[in-house]
Amino acid sequence: MLTRIISYGVVGALIVGSLMYTGSLGWAKEGHQPSESGLVVGYVTQLVALTFVFLGVKAHRDNALGGVIKFLPAFGIGLAISAIASLGWVISWEIVLGMTHFDLGAMMKEQMLASAQARGASEAEIQKIIVEADNFGRMYQNPLFRWPMSFIEMFPVGVLVSLISAGVLRNSRFLPARQTATA
C-alpha cells in the first residue's frame, strides 16, 4: 500500500510541478506577473494532478483488495496521495520563486492599491492597505510561513478529491475490477 501511495503521489507531484514550472516560464520570460487567469490555470493543474488520487485508490481497491474497499481506508489513501502531490506543489513553487525572483508580496500590494484607488478609497484606507501589504510581504519571505501557505493552496482540493474518490470507489460496482481471462 505504501509503495502505491508514494508512486501515485509522486506522479501527481511531478505533474503539478511540471505544469507549474512550464506555466511560470511564460510569464517570467515575458517579464509579466501572473494574471487573474493564472488562478484558474493553477487549480486546473491541481485537479489534473489529483486525478492520481482516484487512480491510486482504485488501483489499491482492485489489485490489493479484490475490488472492495471501505470509505475510511480509501479516504486515508487519497489523503496520503494528496499530501505527497501537495508537497510537490510547494517544492515547485519554491523552484519557481528561486528561478524568477518573483515577489508575491509586491504584486499583491500593487493589486490591492490599484483596487482601492479605483473604488475611491480614502488616504487613511490606502495607508492601512500599504502597511498590511508590507507586513504580508515580510511574512511571505519567511519559508516557515510560505511553505504552509503554499501547501494549503492545494491540499484542500486534495481532501475534496479524496472524499469524492472514497465515496464513489467504496461501491464495488463502480468501475469494477477487470477479470483477467484464464487459459
C-alpha atoms as a PDB file:
ATOM      1  CA  MET A   1       0.000   0.000   0.000  1.00  0.00           C
ATOM      2  CA  LEU A   2       2.775   2.430   0.914  1.00  0.00           C
ATOM      3  CA  THR A   3       4.508   1.853  -2.424  1.00  0.00           C
ATOM      4  CA  ARG A   4       1.273   2.570  -4.269  1.00  0.00           C
ATOM      5  CA  ILE A   5       0.663   5.747  -2.229  1.00  0.00           C
ATOM      6  CA  ILE A   6       4.171   7.017  -2.865  1.00  0.00           C
ATOM      7  CA  SER A   7       4.058   6.115  -6.569  1.00  0.00           C
ATOM      8  CA  TYR A   8       0.753   7.829  -7.275  1.00  0.00           C
ATOM      9  CA  GLY A   9       1.634  10.790  -5.035  1.00  0.00           C
ATOM     10  CA  VAL A  10       4.971  11.327  -6.779  1.00  0.00           C
ATOM     11  CA  VAL A  11       3.342  11.137 -10.208  1.00  0.00           C
ATOM     12  CA  GLY A  12       0.809  13.755  -9.074  1.00  0.00           C
ATOM     13  CA  ALA A  13       3.632  15.895  -7.689  1.00  0.00           C
ATOM     14  CA  LEU A  14       5.597  15.630 -10.932  1.00  0.00           C
ATOM     15  CA  ILE A  15       2.560  16.599 -12.979  1.00  0.00           C
ATOM     16  CA  VAL A  16       1.700  19.610 -10.829  1.00  0.00           C
ATOM     17  CA  GLY A  17       5.351  20.602 -10.681  1.00  0.00           C
ATOM     18  CA  SER A  18       5.994  20.346 -14.391  1.00  0.00           C
ATOM     19  CA  LEU A  19       2.808  22.240 -15.268  1.00  0.00           C
ATOM     20  CA  MET A  20       3.607  24.961 -12.730  1.00  0.00           C
ATOM     21  CA  TYR A  21       7.178  25.229 -13.976  1.00  0.00           C
ATOM     22  CA  THR A  22       6.110  25.364 -17.626  1.00  0.00           C
ATOM     23  CA  GLY A  23       3.408  27.931 -16.936  1.00  0.00           C
ATOM     24  CA  SER A  24       5.701  30.156 -14.923  1.00  0.00           C
ATOM     25  CA  LEU A  25       8.328  30.200 -17.658  1.00  0.00           C
ATOM     26  CA  GLY A  26       5.864  32.005 -19.895  1.00  0.00           C
ATOM     27  CA  TRP A  27       5.200  34.919 -17.595  1.00  0.00           C
ATOM     28  CA  ALA A  28       8.774  35.052 -16.311  1.00  0.00           C
ATOM     29  CA  LYS A  29      10.317  35.295 -19.813  1.00  0.00           C
ATOM     30  CA  GLU A  30       7.866  37.961 -20.881  1.00  0.00           C
ATOM     31  CA  GLY A  31       8.536  39.971 -17.734  1.00  0.00           C
ATOM     32  CA  HIS A  32       4.881  39.850 -16.724  1.00  0.00           C
ATOM     33  CA  GLN A  33       3.376  38.933 -13.426  1.00  0.00           C
ATOM     34  CA  PRO A  34       0.865  36.086 -13.242  1.00  0.00           C
ATOM     35  CA  SER A  35      -2.625  37.192 -14.218  1.00  0.00           C
ATOM     36  CA  GLU A  36      -6.002  36.504 -12.646  1.00  0.00           C
ATOM     37  CA  SER A  37      -6.448  33.638 -15.102  1.00  0.00           C
ATOM     38  CA  GLY A  38      -3.348  32.128 -13.520  1.00  0.00           C
ATOM     39  CA  LEU A  39      -5.505  31.146 -10.548  1.00  0.00           C
ATOM     40  CA  VAL A  40      -7.820  29.177 -12.800  1.00  0.00           C
ATOM     41  CA  VAL A  41      -4.897  27.518 -14.539  1.00  0.00           C
ATOM     42  CA  GLY A  42      -3.365  26.709 -11.144  1.00  0.00           C
ATOM     43  CA  TYR A  43      -6.486  24.970  -9.855  1.00  0.00           C
ATOM     44  CA  VAL A  44      -6.999  23.093 -13.124  1.00  0.00           C
ATOM     45  CA  THR A  45      -3.382  21.963 -12.839  1.00  0.00           C
ATOM     46  CA  GLN A  46      -4.086  20.750  -9.324  1.00  0.00           C
ATOM     47  CA  LEU A  47      -7.152  18.813 -10.450  1.00  0.00           C
ATOM     48  CA  VAL A  48      -5.200  17.167 -13.265  1.00  0.00           C
ATOM     49  CA  ALA A  49      -2.512  16.089 -10.804  1.00  0.00           C
ATOM     50  CA  LEU A  50      -5.088  14.963  -8.244  1.00  0.00           C
ATOM     51  CA  THR A  51      -6.690  12.553 -10.697  1.00  0.00           C
ATOM     52  CA  PHE A  52      -3.967  10.270  -9.395  1.00  0.00           C
ATOM     53  CA  VAL A  53      -5.794  10.193  -6.058  1.00  0.00           C
ATOM     54  CA  PHE A  54      -8.714   8.487  -7.767  1.00  0.00           C
ATOM     55  CA  LEU A  55      -6.423   6.233  -9.813  1.00  0.00           C
ATOM     56  CA  GLY A  56      -4.356   5.275  -6.769  1.00  0.00           C
ATOM     57  CA  VAL A  57      -7.378   4.414  -4.616  1.00  0.00           C
ATOM     58  CA  LYS A  58      -8.904   2.419  -7.479  1.00  0.00           C
ATOM     59  CA  ALA A  59      -5.655   0.555  -8.112  1.00  0.00           C
ATOM     60  CA  HIS A  60      -5.401  -0.363  -4.435  1.00  0.00           C
ATOM     61  CA  ARG A  61      -9.046  -1.445  -4.316  1.00  0.00           C
ATOM     62  CA  ASP A  62      -8.765  -3.565  -7.452  1.00  0.00           C
ATOM     63  CA  ASN A  63      -5.270  -5.020  -7.110  1.00  0.00           C
ATOM     64  CA  ALA A  64      -4.760  -5.431  -3.375  1.00  0.00           C
ATOM     65  CA  LEU A  65      -8.284  -5.773  -2.030  1.00  0.00           C
ATOM     66  CA  GLY A  66     -10.061  -7.796  -4.689  1.00  0.00           C
ATOM     67  CA  GLY A  67     -12.297  -4.950  -5.851  1.00  0.00           C
ATOM     68  CA  VAL A  68     -13.731  -3.924  -2.458  1.00  0.00           C
ATOM     69  CA  ILE A  69     -12.681  -1.018  -0.233  1.00  0.00           C
ATOM     70  CA  LYS A  70     -14.343   0.746   2.685  1.00  0.00           C
ATOM     71  CA  PHE A  71     -14.742   4.509   2.817  1.00  0.00           C
ATOM     72  CA  LEU A  72     -12.203   5.355   5.550  1.00  0.00           C
ATOM     73  CA  PRO A  73      -9.279   3.342   4.128  1.00  0.00           C
ATOM     74  CA  ALA A  74      -9.997   4.779   0.673  1.00  0.00           C
ATOM     75  CA  PHE A  75     -10.167   8.283   2.127  1.00  0.00           C
ATOM     76  CA  GLY A  76      -6.884   7.753   4.005  1.00  0.00           C
ATOM     77  CA  ILE A  77      -5.105   6.564   0.879  1.00  0.00           C
ATOM     78  CA  GLY A  78      -6.482   9.561  -1.006  1.00  0.00           C
ATOM     79  CA  LEU A  79      -5.293  11.962   1.696  1.00  0.00           C
ATOM     80  CA  ALA A  80      -1.803  10.454   1.664  1.00  0.00           C
ATOM     81  CA  ILE A  81      -1.547  10.736  -2.120  1.00  0.00           C
ATOM     82  CA  SER A  82      -2.900  14.302  -1.910  1.00  0.00           C
ATOM     83  CA  ALA A  83      -0.318  15.221   0.729  1.00  0.00           C
ATOM     84  CA  ILE A  84       2.561  13.992  -1.444  1.00  0.00           C
ATOM     85  CA  ALA A  85       1.194  15.793  -4.509  1.00  0.00           C
ATOM     86  CA  SER A  86       0.728  18.959  -2.408  1.00  0.00           C
ATOM     87  CA  LEU A  87       4.348  18.738  -1.295  1.00  0.00           C
ATOM     88  CA  GLY A  88       5.217  18.679  -4.998  1.00  0.00           C
ATOM     89  CA  TRP A  89       3.235  21.908  -5.359  1.00  0.00           C
ATOM     90  CA  VAL A  90       5.226  23.518  -2.520  1.00  0.00           C
ATOM     91  CA  ILE A  91       8.593  22.384  -3.868  1.00  0.00           C
ATOM     92  CA  SER A  92       7.695  23.508  -7.391  1.00  0.00           C
ATOM     93  CA  TRP A  93       6.612  26.931  -6.152  1.00  0.00           C
ATOM     94  CA  GLU A  94       9.916  27.309  -4.311  1.00  0.00           C
ATOM     95  CA  ILE A  95      11.803  26.429  -7.504  1.00  0.00           C
ATOM     96  CA  VAL A  96       9.728  28.951  -9.486  1.00  0.00           C
ATOM     97  CA  LEU A  97      10.362  31.647  -6.871  1.00  0.00           C
ATOM     98  CA  GLY A  98      14.081  30.900  -6.928  1.00  0.00           C
ATOM     99  CA  MET A  99      14.283  30.987 -10.713  1.00  0.00           C
ATOM    100  CA  THR A 100      12.087  34.024 -11.361  1.00  0.00           C
ATOM    101  CA  HIS A 101      12.746  36.074  -8.194  1.00  0.00           C
ATOM    102  CA  PHE A 102       9.019  36.757  -8.224  1.00  0.00           C
ATOM    103  CA  ASP A 103       7.832  38.974  -5.368  1.00  0.00           C
ATOM    104  CA  LEU A 104       4.286  37.900  -4.497  1.00  0.00           C
ATOM    105  CA  GLY A 105       4.037  40.475  -1.713  1.00  0.00           C
ATOM    106  CA  ALA A 106       4.848  43.354  -4.077  1.00  0.00           C
ATOM    107  CA  MET A 107       2.382  42.070  -6.674  1.00  0.00           C
ATOM    108  CA  MET A 108      -0.392  41.769  -4.098  1.00  0.00           C
ATOM    109  CA  LYS A 109       0.376  45.246  -2.751  1.00  0.00           C
ATOM    110  CA  GLU A 110       0.179  46.688  -6.244  1.00  0.00           C
ATOM    111  CA  GLN A 111      -3.139  44.945  -6.945  1.00  0.00           C
ATOM    112  CA  MET A 112      -4.636  45.951  -3.589  1.00  0.00           C
ATOM    113  CA  LEU A 113      -3.626  49.594  -4.079  1.00  0.00           C
ATOM    114  CA  ALA A 114      -4.985  49.688  -7.622  1.00  0.00           C
ATOM    115  CA  SER A 115      -8.281  48.217  -6.433  1.00  0.00           C
ATOM    116  CA  ALA A 116      -8.531  50.670  -3.520  1.00  0.00           C
ATOM    117  CA  GLN A 117      -7.735  53.647  -5.733  1.00  0.00           C
ATOM    118  CA  ALA A 118     -10.256  52.500  -8.359  1.00  0.00           C
ATOM    119  CA  ARG A 119     -13.046  52.436  -5.797  1.00  0.00           C
ATOM    120  CA  GLY A 120     -12.004  55.841  -4.425  1.00  0.00           C
ATOM    121  CA  ALA A 121     -10.595  54.771  -1.062  1.00  0.00           C
ATOM    122  CA  SER A 122      -9.550  57.444   1.419  1.00  0.00           C
ATOM    123  CA  GLU A 123      -5.905  58.239   2.082  1.00  0.00           C
ATOM    124  CA  ALA A 124      -6.178  56.598   5.535  1.00  0.00           C
ATOM    125  CA  GLU A 125      -7.527  53.381   3.990  1.00  0.00           C
ATOM    126  CA  ILE A 126      -4.750  53.391   1.387  1.00  0.00           C
ATOM    127  CA  GLN A 127      -2.124  53.818   4.121  1.00  0.00           C
ATOM    128  CA  LYS A 128      -3.676  50.912   6.026  1.00  0.00           C
ATOM    129  CA  ILE A 129      -3.513  48.741   2.881  1.00  0.00           C
ATOM    130  CA  ILE A 130       0.145  49.676   2.402  1.00  0.00           C
ATOM    131  CA  VAL A 131       1.007  48.668   5.983  1.00  0.00           C
ATOM    132  CA  GLU A 132      -0.918  45.364   5.722  1.00  0.00           C
ATOM    133  CA  ALA A 133       0.625  44.520   2.352  1.00  0.00           C
ATOM    134  CA  ASP A 134       4.132  45.325   3.589  1.00  0.00           C
ATOM    135  CA  ASN A 135       3.573  43.107   6.645  1.00  0.00           C
ATOM    136  CA  PHE A 136       2.351  40.263   4.443  1.00  0.00           C
ATOM    137  CA  GLY A 137       5.351  40.701   2.125  1.00  0.00           C
ATOM    138  CA  ARG A 138       7.766  40.420   5.055  1.00  0.00           C
ATOM    139  CA  MET A 139       5.992  37.334   6.419  1.00  0.00           C
ATOM    140  CA  TYR A 140       5.891  35.706   2.972  1.00  0.00           C
ATOM    141  CA  GLN A 141       9.666  35.978   2.689  1.00  0.00           C
ATOM    142  CA  ASN A 142       9.922  33.539   5.620  1.00  0.00           C
ATOM    143  CA  PRO A 143       9.816  29.937   4.308  1.00  0.00           C
ATOM    144  CA  LEU A 144       8.195  28.726   7.540  1.00  0.00           C
ATOM    145  CA  PHE A 145       5.238  30.989   6.707  1.00  0.00           C
ATOM    146  CA  ARG A 146       5.317  30.492   2.917  1.00  0.00           C
ATOM    147  CA  TRP A 147       5.522  26.663   2.858  1.00  0.00           C
ATOM    148  CA  PRO A 148       2.325  26.004   4.843  1.00  0.00           C
ATOM    149  CA  MET A 149       0.527  28.697   2.833  1.00  0.00           C
ATOM    150  CA  SER A 150       1.581  27.013  -0.405  1.00  0.00           C
ATOM    151  CA  PHE A 151       0.581  23.606   0.965  1.00  0.00           C
ATOM    152  CA  ILE A 152      -2.927  24.752   1.857  1.00  0.00           C
ATOM    153  CA  GLU A 153      -3.417  26.128  -1.645  1.00  0.00           C
ATOM    154  CA  MET A 154      -3.607  22.565  -2.960  1.00  0.00           C
ATOM    155  CA  PHE A 155      -4.303  20.198  -0.073  1.00  0.00           C
ATOM    156  CA  PRO A 156      -7.963  21.218   0.497  1.00  0.00           C
ATOM    157  CA  VAL A 157      -8.617  20.406  -3.161  1.00  0.00           C
ATOM    158  CA  GLY A 158      -6.963  17.036  -2.484  1.00  0.00           C
ATOM    159  CA  VAL A 159      -9.250  16.492   0.510  1.00  0.00           C
ATOM    160  CA  LEU A 160     -12.280  17.107  -1.687  1.00  0.00           C
ATOM    161  CA  VAL A 161     -10.984  14.775  -4.421  1.00  0.00           C
ATOM    162  CA  SER A 162     -10.214  12.154  -1.749  1.00  0.00           C
ATOM    163  CA  LEU A 163     -13.747  12.408  -0.327  1.00  0.00           C
ATOM    164  CA  ILE A 164     -15.322  12.021  -3.751  1.00  0.00           C
ATOM    165  CA  SER A 165     -12.978   9.176  -4.721  1.00  0.00           C
ATOM    166  CA  ALA A 166     -13.588   7.293  -1.468  1.00  0.00           C
ATOM    167  CA  GLY A 167     -17.328   7.799  -1.725  1.00  0.00           C
ATOM    168  CA  VAL A 168     -17.518   6.584  -5.288  1.00  0.00           C
ATOM    169  CA  LEU A 169     -14.984   3.765  -5.121  1.00  0.00           C
ATOM    170  CA  ARG A 170     -16.422   2.170  -1.982  1.00  0.00           C
ATOM    171  CA  ASN A 171     -19.132   0.917  -4.333  1.00  0.00           C
ATOM    172  CA  SER A 172     -17.523  -2.166  -5.871  1.00  0.00           C
ATOM    173  CA  ARG A 173     -19.898  -1.945  -8.846  1.00  0.00           C
ATOM    174  CA  PHE A 174     -18.470   1.446  -9.843  1.00  0.00           C
ATOM    175  CA  LEU A 175     -15.726   0.762 -12.403  1.00  0.00           C
ATOM    176  CA  PRO A 176     -15.339  -2.841 -11.213  1.00  0.00           C
ATOM    177  CA  ALA A 177     -12.001  -4.567 -11.348  1.00  0.00           C
ATOM    178  CA  ARG A 178     -11.390  -6.292 -14.639  1.00  0.00           C
ATOM    179  CA  GLN A 179     -11.213 -10.025 -14.519  1.00  0.00           C
ATOM    180  CA  THR A 180      -8.333 -11.482 -16.476  1.00  0.00           C
ATOM    181  CA  ALA A 181      -9.089 -14.399 -18.730  1.00  0.00           C
ATOM    182  CA  THR A 182      -7.520 -17.660 -17.711  1.00  0.00           C
ATOM    183  CA  ALA A 183      -6.385 -20.107 -20.328  1.00  0.00           C
END
